[in-house]
Amino acid sequence: MTIPIAGVLSYFFWKQPEGWDWAFLLLIGILSQLAQYFMTISYQNANLAKVSNLNYIGIIFALGFGFILFDETYNLFTYGGMLLVLSGVILNFLYARSPKSK
């Protein structure tokens, strides 16, 4: 889904990377592949419920990096959505730890 949309948008808004942009793009690609590799390994070797919950904590990092590095601001609905997602992660974690009744 991303490739057709990004392809069309790139046709109209493309800016050629210059200088250090190429190094940053290469670094992003390498680190993304390493992260995907290690996440796949963790899915194979650990409890799926615990590992998958860690993916959603990335919301906090994205919020922090966006605010600090890019001066991004969010509206109340965005914070509400983040709160709902993180609440679901916390509830899932607590439910997975609770003793199972039969």
PDB file of N, CA and C in Angstrom:
ATOM      1  N   MET A   1       0.810  -1.189   0.000  1.00  0.00           N
ATOM      2  CA  MET A   1       0.000   0.000   0.000  1.00  0.00           C
ATOM      3  C   MET A   1       0.865   1.269   0.000  1.00  0.00           C
ATOM      4  N   THR A   2       1.985   1.202   0.689  1.00  0.00           N
ATOM      5  CA  THR A   2       2.826   2.391   0.805  1.00  0.00           C
ATOM      6  C   THR A   2       3.517   2.747  -0.506  1.00  0.00           C
ATOM      7  N   ILE A   3       3.978   1.745  -1.221  1.00  0.00           N
ATOM      8  CA  ILE A   3       4.757   2.017  -2.446  1.00  0.00           C
ATOM      9  C   ILE A   3       3.952   2.804  -3.485  1.00  0.00           C
ATOM     10  N   PRO A   4       2.716   2.427  -3.814  1.00  0.00           N
ATOM     11  CA  PRO A   4       1.993   3.240  -4.798  1.00  0.00           C
ATOM     12  C   PRO A   4       1.729   4.670  -4.322  1.00  0.00           C
ATOM     13  N   ILE A   5       1.372   4.822  -3.069  1.00  0.00           N
ATOM     14  CA  ILE A   5       1.088   6.170  -2.562  1.00  0.00           C
ATOM     15  C   ILE A   5       2.364   7.001  -2.509  1.00  0.00           C
ATOM     16  N   ALA A   6       3.437   6.425  -1.952  1.00  0.00           N
ATOM     17  CA  ALA A   6       4.697   7.156  -1.878  1.00  0.00           C
ATOM     18  C   ALA A   6       5.251   7.445  -3.270  1.00  0.00           C
ATOM     19  N   GLY A   7       5.055   6.516  -4.195  1.00  0.00           N
ATOM     20  CA  GLY A   7       5.530   6.736  -5.562  1.00  0.00           C
ATOM     21  C   GLY A   7       4.851   7.923  -6.228  1.00  0.00           C
ATOM     22  N   VAL A   8       3.545   8.010  -6.078  1.00  0.00           N
ATOM     23  CA  VAL A   8       2.811   9.133  -6.672  1.00  0.00           C
ATOM     24  C   VAL A   8       3.211  10.444  -6.006  1.00  0.00           C
ATOM     25  N   LEU A   9       3.272  10.449  -4.674  1.00  0.00           N
ATOM     26  CA  LEU A   9       3.654  11.672  -3.968  1.00  0.00           C
ATOM     27  C   LEU A   9       5.093  12.076  -4.276  1.00  0.00           C
ATOM     28  N   SER A  10       5.986  11.100  -4.413  1.00  0.00           N
ATOM     29  CA  SER A  10       7.379  11.407  -4.739  1.00  0.00           C
ATOM     30  C   SER A  10       7.507  12.046  -6.110  1.00  0.00           C
ATOM     31  N   TYR A  11       6.665  11.661  -7.028  1.00  0.00           N
ATOM     32  CA  TYR A  11       6.716  12.237  -8.365  1.00  0.00           C
ATOM     33  C   TYR A  11       6.496  13.744  -8.313  1.00  0.00           C
ATOM     34  N   PHE A  12       5.611  14.182  -7.432  1.00  0.00           N
ATOM     35  CA  PHE A  12       5.284  15.603  -7.363  1.00  0.00           C
ATOM     36  C   PHE A  12       6.148  16.383  -6.365  1.00  0.00           C
ATOM     37  N   PHE A  13       6.656  15.717  -5.335  1.00  0.00           N
ATOM     38  CA  PHE A  13       7.349  16.435  -4.263  1.00  0.00           C
ATOM     39  C   PHE A  13       8.790  15.971  -4.042  1.00  0.00           C
ATOM     40  N   TRP A  14       9.397  15.305  -4.993  1.00  0.00           N
ATOM     41  CA  TRP A  14      10.734  14.731  -4.823  1.00  0.00           C
ATOM     42  C   TRP A  14      11.785  15.819  -4.682  1.00  0.00           C
ATOM     43  N   LYS A  15      12.678  15.632  -3.694  1.00  0.00           N
ATOM     44  CA  LYS A  15      13.863  16.483  -3.547  1.00  0.00           C
ATOM     45  C   LYS A  15      15.059  15.560  -3.518  1.00  0.00           C
ATOM     46  N   GLN A  16      16.011  15.812  -4.377  1.00  0.00           N
ATOM     47  CA  GLN A  16      17.203  14.975  -4.481  1.00  0.00           C
ATOM     48  C   GLN A  16      18.058  15.102  -3.221  1.00  0.00           C
ATOM     49  N   PRO A  17      18.404  13.969  -2.568  1.00  0.00           N
ATOM     50  CA  PRO A  17      19.298  14.050  -1.410  1.00  0.00           C
ATOM     51  C   PRO A  17      20.667  14.579  -1.830  1.00  0.00           C
ATOM     52  N   GLU A  18      21.288  15.342  -0.934  1.00  0.00           N
ATOM     53  CA  GLU A  18      22.596  15.923  -1.226  1.00  0.00           C
ATOM     54  C   GLU A  18      23.526  15.739  -0.039  1.00  0.00           C
ATOM     55  N   GLY A  19      24.784  15.560  -0.306  1.00  0.00           N
ATOM     56  CA  GLY A  19      25.808  15.516   0.729  1.00  0.00           C
ATOM     57  C   GLY A  19      25.557  14.458   1.789  1.00  0.00           C
ATOM     58  N   TRP A  20      25.468  14.908   3.048  1.00  0.00           N
ATOM     59  CA  TRP A  20      25.304  14.000   4.177  1.00  0.00           C
ATOM     60  C   TRP A  20      23.957  13.297   4.179  1.00  0.00           C
ATOM     61  N   ASP A  21      22.992  13.774   3.406  1.00  0.00           N
ATOM     62  CA  ASP A  21      21.682  13.116   3.336  1.00  0.00           C
ATOM     63  C   ASP A  21      21.823  11.657   2.932  1.00  0.00           C
ATOM     64  N   TRP A  22      22.754  11.384   2.003  1.00  0.00           N
ATOM     65  CA  TRP A  22      22.955  10.003   1.550  1.00  0.00           C
ATOM     66  C   TRP A  22      23.461   9.117   2.682  1.00  0.00           C
ATOM     67  N   ALA A  23      24.370   9.629   3.484  1.00  0.00           N
ATOM     68  CA  ALA A  23      24.897   8.854   4.616  1.00  0.00           C
ATOM     69  C   ALA A  23      23.799   8.587   5.641  1.00  0.00           C
ATOM     70  N   PHE A  24      22.971   9.601   5.914  1.00  0.00           N
ATOM     71  CA  PHE A  24      21.875   9.406   6.858  1.00  0.00           C
ATOM     72  C   PHE A  24      20.857   8.400   6.333  1.00  0.00           C
ATOM     73  N   LEU A  25      20.557   8.459   5.051  1.00  0.00           N
ATOM     74  CA  LEU A  25      19.622   7.496   4.456  1.00  0.00           C
ATOM     75  C   LEU A  25      20.173   6.075   4.523  1.00  0.00           C
ATOM     76  N   LEU A  26      21.465   5.923   4.260  1.00  0.00           N
ATOM     77  CA  LEU A  26      22.105   4.616   4.358  1.00  0.00           C
ATOM     78  C   LEU A  26      22.073   4.106   5.795  1.00  0.00           C
ATOM     79  N   LEU A  27      22.371   4.981   6.747  1.00  0.00           N
ATOM     80  CA  LEU A  27      22.339   4.599   8.158  1.00  0.00           C
ATOM     81  C   LEU A  27      20.926   4.206   8.594  1.00  0.00           C
ATOM     82  N   ILE A  28      19.930   4.941   8.157  1.00  0.00           N
ATOM     83  CA  ILE A  28      18.542   4.600   8.472  1.00  0.00           C
ATOM     84  C   ILE A  28      18.200   3.222   7.924  1.00  0.00           C
ATOM     85  N   GLY A  29      18.614   2.938   6.693  1.00  0.00           N
ATOM     86  CA  GLY A  29      18.343   1.636   6.093  1.00  0.00           C
ATOM     87  C   GLY A  29      19.016   0.500   6.840  1.00  0.00           C
ATOM     88  N   ILE A  30      20.281   0.686   7.198  1.00  0.00           N
ATOM     89  CA  ILE A  30      21.017  -0.363   7.910  1.00  0.00           C
ATOM     90  C   ILE A  30      20.414  -0.606   9.290  1.00  0.00           C
ATOM     91  N   LEU A  31      20.164   0.468  10.042  1.00  0.00           N
ATOM     92  CA  LEU A  31      19.594   0.311  11.378  1.00  0.00           C
ATOM     93  C   LEU A  31      18.183  -0.271  11.344  1.00  0.00           C
ATOM     94  N   SER A  32      17.410   0.079  10.328  1.00  0.00           N
ATOM     95  CA  SER A  32      16.064  -0.498  10.192  1.00  0.00           C
ATOM     96  C   SER A  32      16.125  -2.001   9.946  1.00  0.00           C
ATOM     97  N   GLN A  33      17.047  -2.421   9.101  1.00  0.00           N
ATOM     98  CA  GLN A  33      17.187  -3.849   8.835  1.00  0.00           C
ATOM     99  C   GLN A  33      17.668  -4.607  10.067  1.00  0.00           C
ATOM    100  N   LEU A  34      18.611  -4.032  10.803  1.00  0.00           N
ATOM    101  CA  LEU A  34      19.073  -4.660  12.040  1.00  0.00           C
ATOM    102  C   LEU A  34      17.945  -4.764  13.071  1.00  0.00           C
ATOM    103  N   ALA A  35      17.167  -3.702  13.197  1.00  0.00           N
ATOM    104  CA  ALA A  35      16.047  -3.725  14.136  1.00  0.00           C
ATOM    105  C   ALA A  35      15.029  -4.790  13.740  1.00  0.00           C
ATOM    106  N   GLN A  36      14.738  -4.898  12.455  1.00  0.00           N
ATOM    107  CA  GLN A  36      13.790  -5.917  11.984  1.00  0.00           C
ATOM    108  C   GLN A  36      14.323  -7.321  12.244  1.00  0.00           C
ATOM    109  N   TYR A  37      15.609  -7.516  12.017  1.00  0.00           N
ATOM    110  CA  TYR A  37      16.221  -8.822  12.255  1.00  0.00           C
ATOM    111  C   TYR A  37      16.113  -9.220  13.723  1.00  0.00           C
ATOM    112  N   PHE A  38      16.508  -8.302  14.608  1.00  0.00           N
ATOM    113  CA  PHE A  38      16.475  -8.626  16.030  1.00  0.00           C
ATOM    114  C   PHE A  38      15.050  -8.757  16.560  1.00  0.00           C
ATOM    115  N   MET A  39      14.118  -8.010  16.006  1.00  0.00           N
ATOM    116  CA  MET A  39      12.728  -8.162  16.424  1.00  0.00           C
ATOM    117  C   MET A  39      12.200  -9.534  15.998  1.00  0.00           C
ATOM    118  N   THR A  40      12.571  -9.986  14.812  1.00  0.00           N
ATOM    119  CA  THR A  40      12.163 -11.314  14.359  1.00  0.00           C
ATOM    120  C   THR A  40      12.750 -12.395  15.252  1.00  0.00           C
ATOM    121  N   ILE A  41      14.012 -12.250  15.623  1.00  0.00           N
ATOM    122  CA  ILE A  41      14.645 -13.210  16.534  1.00  0.00           C
ATOM    123  C   ILE A  41      13.932 -13.215  17.881  1.00  0.00           C
ATOM    124  N   SER A  42      13.576 -12.037  18.386  1.00  0.00           N
ATOM    125  CA  SER A  42      12.894 -11.985  19.682  1.00  0.00           C
ATOM    126  C   SER A  42      11.510 -12.621  19.604  1.00  0.00           C
ATOM    127  N   TYR A  43      10.815 -12.466  18.484  1.00  0.00           N
ATOM    128  CA  TYR A  43       9.511 -13.130  18.319  1.00  0.00           C
ATOM    129  C   TYR A  43       9.669 -14.649  18.314  1.00  0.00           C
ATOM    130  N   GLN A  44      10.783 -15.144  17.806  1.00  0.00           N
ATOM    131  CA  GLN A  44      11.009 -16.586  17.765  1.00  0.00           C
ATOM    132  C   GLN A  44      11.383 -17.159  19.124  1.00  0.00           C
ATOM    133  N   ASN A  45      12.056 -16.375  19.966  1.00  0.00           N
ATOM    134  CA  ASN A  45      12.638 -16.920  21.185  1.00  0.00           C
ATOM    135  C   ASN A  45      11.949 -16.503  22.479  1.00  0.00           C
ATOM    136  N   ALA A  46      11.042 -15.567  22.452  1.00  0.00           N
ATOM    137  CA  ALA A  46      10.445 -15.070  23.695  1.00  0.00           C
ATOM    138  C   ALA A  46       8.925 -15.191  23.638  1.00  0.00           C
ATOM    139  N   ASN A  47       8.312 -14.872  24.756  1.00  0.00           N
ATOM    140  CA  ASN A  47       6.860 -14.872  24.855  1.00  0.00           C
ATOM    141  C   ASN A  47       6.298 -13.773  23.942  1.00  0.00           C
ATOM    142  N   LEU A  48       5.423 -14.138  23.043  1.00  0.00           N
ATOM    143  CA  LEU A  48       4.905 -13.206  22.040  1.00  0.00           C
ATOM    144  C   LEU A  48       4.187 -12.024  22.680  1.00  0.00           C
ATOM    145  N   ALA A  49       3.427 -12.254  23.726  1.00  0.00           N
ATOM    146  CA  ALA A  49       2.681 -11.167  24.365  1.00  0.00           C
ATOM    147  C   ALA A  49       3.626 -10.112  24.940  1.00  0.00           C
ATOM    148  N   LYS A  50       4.737 -10.534  25.493  1.00  0.00           N
ATOM    149  CA  LYS A  50       5.686  -9.581  26.065  1.00  0.00           C
ATOM    150  C   LYS A  50       6.410  -8.789  24.984  1.00  0.00           C
ATOM    151  N   VAL A  51       6.833  -9.456  23.940  1.00  0.00           N
ATOM    152  CA  VAL A  51       7.596  -8.794  22.884  1.00  0.00           C
ATOM    153  C   VAL A  51       6.724  -7.838  22.087  1.00  0.00           C
ATOM    154  N   SER A  52       5.521  -8.258  21.748  1.00  0.00           N
ATOM    155  CA  SER A  52       4.656  -7.403  20.927  1.00  0.00           C
ATOM    156  C   SER A  52       4.261  -6.137  21.674  1.00  0.00           C
ATOM    157  N   ASN A  53       4.137  -6.205  22.991  1.00  0.00           N
ATOM    158  CA  ASN A  53       3.816  -5.003  23.763  1.00  0.00           C
ATOM    159  C   ASN A  53       4.922  -3.968  23.687  1.00  0.00           C
ATOM    160  N   LEU A  54       6.157  -4.403  23.566  1.00  0.00           N
ATOM    161  CA  LEU A  54       7.266  -3.456  23.493  1.00  0.00           C
ATOM    162  C   LEU A  54       7.212  -2.600  22.231  1.00  0.00           C
ATOM    163  N   ASN A  55       6.614  -3.108  21.172  1.00  0.00           N
ATOM    164  CA  ASN A  55       6.494  -2.321  19.942  1.00  0.00           C
ATOM    165  C   ASN A  55       5.695  -1.047  20.164  1.00  0.00           C
ATOM    166  N   TYR A  56       4.682  -1.120  21.013  1.00  0.00           N
ATOM    167  CA  TYR A  56       3.816   0.034  21.230  1.00  0.00           C
ATOM    168  C   TYR A  56       4.454   1.098  22.110  1.00  0.00           C
ATOM    169  N   ILE A  57       5.497   0.745  22.817  1.00  0.00           N
ATOM    170  CA  ILE A  57       6.199   1.747  23.616  1.00  0.00           C
ATOM    171  C   ILE A  57       6.924   2.727  22.698  1.00  0.00           C
ATOM    172  N   GLY A  58       7.113   2.349  21.444  1.00  0.00           N
ATOM    173  CA  GLY A  58       7.711   3.258  20.466  1.00  0.00           C
ATOM    174  C   GLY A  58       6.937   4.553  20.316  1.00  0.00           C
ATOM    175  N   ILE A  59       5.659   4.558  20.688  1.00  0.00           N
ATOM    176  CA  ILE A  59       4.857   5.781  20.641  1.00  0.00           C
ATOM    177  C   ILE A  59       5.490   6.849  21.521  1.00  0.00           C
ATOM    178  N   ILE A  60       5.955   6.439  22.693  1.00  0.00           N
ATOM    179  CA  ILE A  60       6.562   7.395  23.622  1.00  0.00           C
ATOM    180  C   ILE A  60       7.835   7.978  23.020  1.00  0.00           C
ATOM    181  N   PHE A  61       8.654   7.122  22.410  1.00  0.00           N
ATOM    182  CA  PHE A  61       9.888   7.612  21.781  1.00  0.00           C
ATOM    183  C   PHE A  61       9.576   8.543  20.613  1.00  0.00           C
ATOM    184  N   ALA A  62       8.597   8.187  19.808  1.00  0.00           N
ATOM    185  CA  ALA A  62       8.231   9.040  18.674  1.00  0.00           C
ATOM    186  C   ALA A  62       7.728  10.395  19.151  1.00  0.00           C
ATOM    187  N   LEU A  63       6.961  10.388  20.217  1.00  0.00           N
ATOM    188  CA  LEU A  63       6.461  11.638  20.778  1.00  0.00           C
ATOM    189  C   LEU A  63       7.617  12.506  21.266  1.00  0.00           C
ATOM    190  N   GLY A  64       8.534  11.901  21.997  1.00  0.00           N
ATOM    191  CA  GLY A  64       9.673  12.650  22.522  1.00  0.00           C
ATOM    192  C   GLY A  64      10.592  13.181  21.439  1.00  0.00           C
ATOM    193  N   PHE A  65      10.953  12.325  20.482  1.00  0.00           N
ATOM    194  CA  PHE A  65      11.835  12.769  19.400  1.00  0.00           C
ATOM    195  C   PHE A  65      11.167  13.833  18.540  1.00  0.00           C
ATOM    196  N   GLY A  66       9.893  13.654  18.261  1.00  0.00           N
ATOM    197  CA  GLY A  66       9.179  14.652  17.463  1.00  0.00           C
ATOM    198  C   GLY A  66       9.128  16.001  18.140  1.00  0.00           C
ATOM    199  N   PHE A  67       8.894  15.981  19.443  1.00  0.00           N
ATOM    200  CA  PHE A  67       8.810  17.236  20.193  1.00  0.00           C
ATOM    201  C   PHE A  67      10.173  17.906  20.317  1.00  0.00           C
ATOM    202  N   ILE A  68      11.200  17.123  20.671  1.00  0.00           N
ATOM    203  CA  ILE A  68      12.527  17.695  20.911  1.00  0.00           C
ATOM    204  C   ILE A  68      13.247  18.055  19.614  1.00  0.00           C
ATOM    205  N   LEU A  69      13.257  17.138  18.646  1.00  0.00           N
ATOM    206  CA  LEU A  69      14.049  17.359  17.435  1.00  0.00           C
ATOM    207  C   LEU A  69      13.326  18.167  16.367  1.00  0.00           C
ATOM    208  N   PHE A  70      12.011  18.005  16.267  1.00  0.00           N
ATOM    209  CA  PHE A  70      11.287  18.613  15.152  1.00  0.00           C
ATOM    210  C   PHE A  70      10.266  19.648  15.586  1.00  0.00           C
ATOM    211  N   ASP A  71      10.212  19.936  16.895  1.00  0.00           N
ATOM    212  CA  ASP A  71       9.303  20.943  17.432  1.00  0.00           C
ATOM    213  C   ASP A  71       7.843  20.660  17.046  1.00  0.00           C
ATOM    214  N   GLU A  72       7.474  19.382  17.072  1.00  0.00           N
ATOM    215  CA  GLU A  72       6.107  18.987  16.741  1.00  0.00           C
ATOM    216  C   GLU A  72       5.188  19.219  17.940  1.00  0.00           C
ATOM    217  N   THR A  73       3.962  19.560  17.651  1.00  0.00           N
ATOM    218  CA  THR A  73       2.940  19.662  18.681  1.00  0.00           C
ATOM    219  C   THR A  73       1.765  18.796  18.269  1.00  0.00           C
ATOM    220  N   TYR A  74       0.995  18.359  19.248  1.00  0.00           N
ATOM    221  CA  TYR A  74      -0.125  17.459  18.989  1.00  0.00           C
ATOM    222  C   TYR A  74      -1.381  18.018  19.621  1.00  0.00           C
ATOM    223  N   ASN A  75      -2.523  17.599  19.097  1.00  0.00           N
ATOM    224  CA  ASN A  75      -3.779  18.045  19.686  1.00  0.00           C
ATOM    225  C   ASN A  75      -4.258  17.025  20.718  1.00  0.00           C
ATOM    226  N   LEU A  76      -5.367  17.332  21.365  1.00  0.00           N
ATOM    227  CA  LEU A  76      -5.889  16.505  22.442  1.00  0.00           C
ATOM    228  C   LEU A  76      -6.286  15.111  21.953  1.00  0.00           C
ATOM    229  N   PHE A  77      -6.803  15.016  20.738  1.00  0.00           N
ATOM    230  CA  PHE A  77      -7.198  13.709  20.195  1.00  0.00           C
ATOM    231  C   PHE A  77      -5.985  12.788  20.011  1.00  0.00           C
ATOM    232  N   THR A  78      -4.860  13.362  19.613  1.00  0.00           N
ATOM    233  CA  THR A  78      -3.641  12.574  19.447  1.00  0.00           C
ATOM    234  C   THR A  78      -3.176  12.007  20.777  1.00  0.00           C
ATOM    235  N   TYR A  79      -3.154  12.860  21.795  1.00  0.00           N
ATOM    236  CA  TYR A  79      -2.766  12.382  23.127  1.00  0.00           C
ATOM    237  C   TYR A  79      -3.758  11.347  23.651  1.00  0.00           C
ATOM    238  N   GLY A  80      -5.040  11.555  23.375  1.00  0.00           N
ATOM    239  CA  GLY A  80      -6.052  10.584  23.794  1.00  0.00           C
ATOM    240  C   GLY A  80      -5.846   9.234  23.130  1.00  0.00           C
ATOM    241  N   GLY A  81      -5.533   9.232  21.849  1.00  0.00           N
ATOM    242  CA  GLY A  81      -5.267   7.976  21.142  1.00  0.00           C
ATOM    243  C   GLY A  81      -4.040   7.273  21.679  1.00  0.00           C
ATOM    244  N   MET A  82      -2.996   8.043  21.957  1.00  0.00           N
ATOM    245  CA  MET A  82      -1.791   7.451  22.546  1.00  0.00           C
ATOM    246  C   MET A  82      -2.091   6.858  23.916  1.00  0.00           C
ATOM    247  N   LEU A  83      -2.901   7.554  24.699  1.00  0.00           N
ATOM    248  CA  LEU A  83      -3.270   7.063  26.019  1.00  0.00           C
ATOM    249  C   LEU A  83      -4.066   5.764  25.919  1.00  0.00           C
ATOM    250  N   LEU A  84      -4.967   5.679  24.949  1.00  0.00           N
ATOM    251  CA  LEU A  84      -5.734   4.438  24.759  1.00  0.00           C
ATOM    252  C   LEU A  84      -4.827   3.272  24.382  1.00  0.00           C
ATOM    253  N   VAL A  85      -3.901   3.501  23.464  1.00  0.00           N
ATOM    254  CA  VAL A  85      -2.992   2.434  23.041  1.00  0.00           C
ATOM    255  C   VAL A  85      -2.120   1.978  24.204  1.00  0.00           C
ATOM    256  N   LEU A  86      -1.530   2.925  24.916  1.00  0.00           N
ATOM    257  CA  LEU A  86      -0.667   2.556  26.043  1.00  0.00           C
ATOM    258  C   LEU A  86      -1.466   1.909  27.170  1.00  0.00           C
ATOM    259  N   SER A  87      -2.702   2.335  27.373  1.00  0.00           N
ATOM    260  CA  SER A  87      -3.552   1.681  28.372  1.00  0.00           C
ATOM    261  C   SER A  87      -3.814   0.231  27.992  1.00  0.00           C
ATOM    262  N   GLY A  88      -4.049  -0.017  26.719  1.00  0.00           N
ATOM    263  CA  GLY A  88      -4.234  -1.387  26.253  1.00  0.00           C
ATOM    264  C   GLY A  88      -3.002  -2.240  26.465  1.00  0.00           C
ATOM    265  N   VAL A  89      -1.834  -1.666  26.241  1.00  0.00           N
ATOM    266  CA  VAL A  89      -0.577  -2.393  26.459  1.00  0.00           C
ATOM    267  C   VAL A  89      -0.419  -2.738  27.936  1.00  0.00           C
ATOM    268  N   ILE A  90      -0.682  -1.772  28.796  1.00  0.00           N
ATOM    269  CA  ILE A  90      -0.539  -2.011  30.236  1.00  0.00           C
ATOM    270  C   ILE A  90      -1.548  -3.058  30.704  1.00  0.00           C
ATOM    271  N   LEU A  91      -2.791  -2.952  30.250  1.00  0.00           N
ATOM    272  CA  LEU A  91      -3.801  -3.946  30.642  1.00  0.00           C
ATOM    273  C   LEU A  91      -3.452  -5.336  30.128  1.00  0.00           C
ATOM    274  N   ASN A  92      -2.936  -5.423  28.920  1.00  0.00           N
ATOM    275  CA  ASN A  92      -2.522  -6.715  28.378  1.00  0.00           C
ATOM    276  C   ASN A  92      -1.391  -7.305  29.204  1.00  0.00           C
ATOM    277  N   PHE A  93      -0.445  -6.461  29.601  1.00  0.00           N
ATOM    278  CA  PHE A  93       0.671  -6.919  30.429  1.00  0.00           C
ATOM    279  C   PHE A  93       0.166  -7.433  31.770  1.00  0.00           C
ATOM    280  N   LEU A  94      -0.725  -6.687  32.409  1.00  0.00           N
ATOM    281  CA  LEU A  94      -1.263  -7.103  33.705  1.00  0.00           C
ATOM    282  C   LEU A  94      -2.096  -8.375  33.587  1.00  0.00           C
ATOM    283  N   TYR A  95      -2.875  -8.480  32.505  1.00  0.00           N
ATOM    284  CA  TYR A  95      -3.698  -9.675  32.296  1.00  0.00           C
ATOM    285  C   TYR A  95      -2.821 -10.906  32.058  1.00  0.00           C
ATOM    286  N   ALA A  96      -1.738 -10.734  31.326  1.00  0.00           N
ATOM    287  CA  ALA A  96      -0.841 -11.865  31.039  1.00  0.00           C
ATOM    288  C   ALA A  96      -0.132 -12.335  32.306  1.00  0.00           C
ATOM    289  N   ARG A  97       0.081 -11.450  33.252  1.00  0.00           N
ATOM    290  CA  ARG A  97       0.757 -11.820  34.508  1.00  0.00           C
ATOM    291  C   ARG A  97      -0.192 -12.410  35.537  1.00  0.00           C
ATOM    292  N   SER A  98      -1.484 -12.141  35.423  1.00  0.00           N
ATOM    293  CA  SER A  98      -2.422 -12.595  36.440  1.00  0.00           C
ATOM    294  C   SER A  98      -2.584 -14.117  36.367  1.00  0.00           C
ATOM    295  N   PRO A  99      -2.812 -14.753  37.527  1.00  0.00           N
ATOM    296  CA  PRO A  99      -3.020 -16.206  37.519  1.00  0.00           C
ATOM    297  C   PRO A  99      -4.312 -16.554  36.786  1.00  0.00           C
ATOM    298  N   LYS A 100      -4.261 -17.599  36.026  1.00  0.00           N
ATOM    299  CA  LYS A 100      -5.417 -18.021  35.223  1.00  0.00           C
ATOM    300  C   LYS A 100      -6.393 -18.825  36.101  1.00  0.00           C
ATOM    301  N   SER A 101      -7.643 -18.418  36.069  1.00  0.00           N
ATOM    302  CA  SER A 101      -8.669 -19.190  36.800  1.00  0.00           C
ATOM    303  C   SER A 101      -9.340 -20.151  35.826  1.00  0.00           C
ATOM    304  N   LYS A 102      -9.655 -21.328  36.333  1.00  0.00           N
ATOM    305  CA  LYS A 102     -10.230 -22.349  35.451  1.00  0.00           C
ATOM    306  C   LYS A 102     -11.652 -22.623  35.775  1.00  0.00           C
TER     307      LYS A 102
END
